[in-house]
Amino acid sequence: MAEKRKFKKRFCRYCQGKVEFIDYKDLNQLKFSLSERYKIMPRRLTGNCKKHQEMVSEAIKRARQAAFIPYIVDRKRVIANPFELIK
């Protein structure tokens, strides 16, 4: 039989901090749920609970609409750390 893999237990950082609302203008809080290409990371990678993952995705979509976060990153213009642009 195959050996069962042991993974680190993921936890929801928003439940641990008792966050009730995730603001779309707080980019420092949102950048932990974005990949280097500004894609929304899934729950299985971030460890967020369902309630907070829905709030995060809604906040990211609102931040994109308000032009705080870009929709896509240009492949030709590669940036070493794209989160330096977000301040």
N, C-alpha and C. Protein backbone atom coordinates (compact mmCIF):
# COMPACT_ATOMS: atom_id res chain seq x y z
N MET A 1 0.82 -1.19 0.00
CA MET A 1 0.00 0.00 0.00
C MET A 1 0.86 1.25 0.00
N ALA A 2 0.33 2.26 -0.59
CA ALA A 2 1.05 3.53 -0.64
C ALA A 2 1.03 4.20 0.72
N GLU A 3 2.12 4.85 1.02
CA GLU A 3 2.21 5.55 2.29
C GLU A 3 1.41 6.85 2.22
N LYS A 4 0.65 7.13 3.26
CA LYS A 4 -0.19 8.31 3.28
C LYS A 4 0.66 9.55 3.56
N ARG A 5 0.48 10.58 2.77
CA ARG A 5 1.25 11.80 2.95
C ARG A 5 0.72 12.59 4.12
N LYS A 6 1.63 13.20 4.83
CA LYS A 6 1.25 14.04 5.95
C LYS A 6 1.50 15.49 5.56
N PHE A 7 0.44 16.27 5.58
CA PHE A 7 0.54 17.67 5.23
C PHE A 7 0.40 18.51 6.48
N LYS A 8 0.95 19.70 6.41
CA LYS A 8 0.81 20.64 7.51
C LYS A 8 -0.63 21.11 7.60
N LYS A 9 -1.17 21.17 8.79
CA LYS A 9 -2.55 21.61 8.98
C LYS A 9 -2.65 23.10 8.66
N ARG A 10 -3.50 23.41 7.73
CA ARG A 10 -3.70 24.81 7.34
C ARG A 10 -4.77 25.42 8.22
N PHE A 11 -4.66 26.69 8.45
CA PHE A 11 -5.63 27.38 9.28
C PHE A 11 -6.05 28.67 8.60
N CYS A 12 -7.21 29.12 8.95
CA CYS A 12 -7.74 30.36 8.38
C CYS A 12 -7.18 31.53 9.17
N ARG A 13 -6.40 32.37 8.52
CA ARG A 13 -5.79 33.51 9.21
C ARG A 13 -6.84 34.54 9.63
N TYR A 14 -7.98 34.54 8.94
CA TYR A 14 -9.03 35.50 9.28
C TYR A 14 -9.84 35.03 10.48
N CYS A 15 -10.06 33.72 10.60
CA CYS A 15 -10.74 33.19 11.80
C CYS A 15 -9.85 33.36 13.02
N GLN A 16 -8.56 33.14 12.84
CA GLN A 16 -7.64 33.27 13.96
C GLN A 16 -7.56 34.72 14.43
N GLY A 17 -7.64 35.67 13.51
CA GLY A 17 -7.60 37.09 13.87
C GLY A 17 -8.97 37.67 14.17
N LYS A 18 -10.01 36.83 14.13
CA LYS A 18 -11.40 37.24 14.38
C LYS A 18 -11.82 38.42 13.49
N VAL A 19 -11.54 38.27 12.18
CA VAL A 19 -11.90 39.30 11.20
C VAL A 19 -13.35 39.10 10.80
N GLU A 20 -14.14 40.15 10.90
CA GLU A 20 -15.56 40.09 10.53
C GLU A 20 -15.79 40.53 9.09
N PHE A 21 -14.97 41.47 8.60
CA PHE A 21 -15.17 42.05 7.27
C PHE A 21 -13.80 42.26 6.63
N ILE A 22 -13.69 41.89 5.36
CA ILE A 22 -12.44 42.08 4.61
C ILE A 22 -12.66 43.23 3.64
N ASP A 23 -11.91 44.30 3.84
CA ASP A 23 -12.08 45.50 3.03
C ASP A 23 -11.27 45.39 1.74
N TYR A 24 -11.84 45.83 0.65
CA TYR A 24 -11.16 45.73 -0.64
C TYR A 24 -10.04 46.75 -0.76
N LYS A 25 -10.02 47.78 0.10
CA LYS A 25 -8.98 48.80 0.04
C LYS A 25 -7.73 48.41 0.83
N ASP A 26 -7.82 47.37 1.66
CA ASP A 26 -6.68 46.91 2.45
C ASP A 26 -5.88 45.89 1.64
N LEU A 27 -4.96 46.38 0.84
CA LEU A 27 -4.23 45.51 -0.09
C LEU A 27 -3.20 44.64 0.62
N ASN A 28 -2.70 45.08 1.77
CA ASN A 28 -1.74 44.25 2.50
C ASN A 28 -2.39 42.96 2.98
N GLN A 29 -3.66 43.01 3.30
CA GLN A 29 -4.38 41.83 3.74
C GLN A 29 -4.75 40.93 2.56
N LEU A 30 -5.01 41.53 1.41
CA LEU A 30 -5.43 40.76 0.24
C LEU A 30 -4.29 40.07 -0.49
N LYS A 31 -3.07 40.59 -0.36
CA LYS A 31 -1.97 40.04 -1.15
C LYS A 31 -1.59 38.62 -0.76
N PHE A 32 -2.01 38.15 0.43
CA PHE A 32 -1.73 36.78 0.83
C PHE A 32 -2.62 35.79 0.09
N SER A 33 -3.69 36.27 -0.52
CA SER A 33 -4.60 35.39 -1.26
C SER A 33 -4.44 35.53 -2.76
N LEU A 34 -3.39 36.22 -3.20
CA LEU A 34 -3.11 36.40 -4.63
C LEU A 34 -1.81 35.71 -5.00
N SER A 35 -1.76 35.14 -6.20
CA SER A 35 -0.53 34.54 -6.68
C SER A 35 0.35 35.65 -7.28
N GLU A 36 1.52 35.27 -7.78
CA GLU A 36 2.42 36.27 -8.35
C GLU A 36 1.88 36.85 -9.66
N ARG A 37 0.89 36.19 -10.24
CA ARG A 37 0.25 36.71 -11.45
C ARG A 37 -1.10 37.32 -11.13
N TYR A 38 -1.33 37.65 -9.88
CA TYR A 38 -2.55 38.29 -9.38
C TYR A 38 -3.80 37.43 -9.57
N LYS A 39 -3.64 36.12 -9.53
CA LYS A 39 -4.80 35.24 -9.57
C LYS A 39 -5.22 34.93 -8.14
N ILE A 40 -6.50 34.67 -7.94
CA ILE A 40 -7.01 34.34 -6.62
C ILE A 40 -6.60 32.90 -6.30
N MET A 41 -5.92 32.72 -5.18
CA MET A 41 -5.46 31.38 -4.79
C MET A 41 -6.61 30.60 -4.17
N PRO A 42 -6.67 29.29 -4.40
CA PRO A 42 -7.77 28.49 -3.87
C PRO A 42 -7.64 28.25 -2.37
N ARG A 43 -8.73 27.78 -1.78
CA ARG A 43 -8.78 27.51 -0.34
C ARG A 43 -7.77 26.47 0.10
N ARG A 44 -7.55 25.48 -0.73
CA ARG A 44 -6.66 24.39 -0.33
C ARG A 44 -5.22 24.86 -0.20
N LEU A 45 -4.86 25.97 -0.85
CA LEU A 45 -3.51 26.52 -0.72
C LEU A 45 -3.41 27.58 0.37
N THR A 46 -4.43 28.41 0.51
CA THR A 46 -4.37 29.47 1.50
C THR A 46 -4.80 29.00 2.88
N GLY A 47 -5.66 27.99 2.94
CA GLY A 47 -6.13 27.49 4.23
C GLY A 47 -7.32 28.26 4.77
N ASN A 48 -7.90 29.15 3.98
CA ASN A 48 -9.05 29.92 4.44
C ASN A 48 -10.28 29.04 4.57
N CYS A 49 -11.17 29.42 5.47
CA CYS A 49 -12.44 28.73 5.57
C CYS A 49 -13.35 29.21 4.44
N LYS A 50 -14.46 28.55 4.25
CA LYS A 50 -15.35 28.87 3.12
C LYS A 50 -15.89 30.30 3.22
N LYS A 51 -16.30 30.70 4.41
CA LYS A 51 -16.88 32.03 4.60
C LYS A 51 -15.87 33.12 4.26
N HIS A 52 -14.65 32.97 4.77
CA HIS A 52 -13.65 34.01 4.54
C HIS A 52 -13.09 33.96 3.12
N GLN A 53 -13.05 32.78 2.51
CA GLN A 53 -12.59 32.70 1.12
C GLN A 53 -13.56 33.43 0.20
N GLU A 54 -14.85 33.31 0.46
CA GLU A 54 -15.84 34.04 -0.34
C GLU A 54 -15.69 35.54 -0.14
N MET A 55 -15.42 35.97 1.10
CA MET A 55 -15.22 37.39 1.37
C MET A 55 -13.95 37.91 0.69
N VAL A 56 -12.89 37.10 0.69
CA VAL A 56 -11.63 37.49 0.06
C VAL A 56 -11.82 37.61 -1.45
N SER A 57 -12.48 36.65 -2.06
CA SER A 57 -12.66 36.70 -3.51
C SER A 57 -13.53 37.89 -3.91
N GLU A 58 -14.54 38.19 -3.11
CA GLU A 58 -15.39 39.36 -3.39
C GLU A 58 -14.58 40.65 -3.26
N ALA A 59 -13.72 40.73 -2.23
CA ALA A 59 -12.91 41.93 -2.02
C ALA A 59 -11.89 42.10 -3.14
N ILE A 60 -11.30 40.99 -3.61
CA ILE A 60 -10.34 41.07 -4.70
C ILE A 60 -11.02 41.53 -5.99
N LYS A 61 -12.21 41.01 -6.24
CA LYS A 61 -12.95 41.43 -7.43
C LYS A 61 -13.31 42.90 -7.37
N ARG A 62 -13.68 43.39 -6.19
CA ARG A 62 -13.99 44.81 -6.03
C ARG A 62 -12.74 45.67 -6.20
N ALA A 63 -11.60 45.19 -5.68
CA ALA A 63 -10.34 45.93 -5.82
C ALA A 63 -9.90 45.98 -7.28
N ARG A 64 -10.17 44.92 -8.02
CA ARG A 64 -9.86 44.94 -9.45
C ARG A 64 -10.74 45.94 -10.18
N GLN A 65 -12.00 45.98 -9.81
CA GLN A 65 -12.94 46.91 -10.44
C GLN A 65 -12.54 48.36 -10.17
N ALA A 66 -12.03 48.61 -8.96
CA ALA A 66 -11.61 49.97 -8.58
C ALA A 66 -10.17 50.26 -9.02
N ALA A 67 -9.53 49.34 -9.72
CA ALA A 67 -8.18 49.48 -10.29
C ALA A 67 -7.10 49.56 -9.22
N PHE A 68 -7.32 48.93 -8.06
CA PHE A 68 -6.27 48.82 -7.05
C PHE A 68 -5.36 47.64 -7.37
N ILE A 69 -5.92 46.60 -7.99
CA ILE A 69 -5.19 45.39 -8.36
C ILE A 69 -5.42 45.17 -9.85
N PRO A 70 -4.37 44.85 -10.62
CA PRO A 70 -4.59 44.59 -12.04
C PRO A 70 -5.29 43.26 -12.28
N TYR A 71 -6.00 43.19 -13.39
CA TYR A 71 -6.67 41.93 -13.75
C TYR A 71 -5.65 40.88 -14.19
N ILE A 72 -4.70 41.29 -15.03
CA ILE A 72 -3.70 40.36 -15.54
C ILE A 72 -2.33 41.01 -15.47
N VAL A 73 -1.30 40.17 -15.54
CA VAL A 73 0.07 40.65 -15.60
C VAL A 73 0.59 40.33 -16.99
N ASP A 74 1.23 41.31 -17.62
CA ASP A 74 1.76 41.13 -18.96
C ASP A 74 2.92 40.13 -18.93
N ARG A 75 2.88 39.13 -19.79
CA ARG A 75 3.94 38.13 -19.83
C ARG A 75 5.26 38.70 -20.32
N LYS A 76 5.20 39.70 -21.18
CA LYS A 76 6.42 40.25 -21.74
C LYS A 76 7.15 41.16 -20.74
N ARG A 77 6.39 41.76 -19.84
CA ARG A 77 6.98 42.66 -18.85
C ARG A 77 6.98 41.93 -17.50
N VAL A 78 7.98 41.10 -17.29
CA VAL A 78 8.05 40.28 -16.08
C VAL A 78 8.60 41.13 -14.95
N ILE A 79 7.93 41.06 -13.80
CA ILE A 79 8.33 41.81 -12.62
C ILE A 79 8.80 40.80 -11.58
N ALA A 80 9.92 41.11 -10.92
CA ALA A 80 10.45 40.19 -9.91
C ALA A 80 9.50 40.05 -8.74
N ASN A 81 9.02 41.14 -8.19
CA ASN A 81 8.09 41.10 -7.07
C ASN A 81 6.93 42.04 -7.39
N PRO A 82 5.83 41.51 -7.90
CA PRO A 82 4.72 42.39 -8.31
C PRO A 82 4.03 43.09 -7.15
N PHE A 83 4.21 42.60 -5.92
CA PHE A 83 3.53 43.21 -4.79
C PHE A 83 4.21 44.47 -4.31
N GLU A 84 5.38 44.79 -4.87
CA GLU A 84 6.03 46.07 -4.54
C GLU A 84 5.25 47.22 -5.19
N LEU A 85 4.57 46.94 -6.29
CA LEU A 85 3.77 47.97 -6.95
C LEU A 85 2.54 48.32 -6.14
N ILE A 86 2.04 47.37 -5.34
CA ILE A 86 0.87 47.61 -4.51
C ILE A 86 1.32 48.26 -3.21
N LYS A 87 0.93 49.47 -3.00
CA LYS A 87 1.32 50.17 -1.76
C LYS A 87 0.13 50.81 -1.13
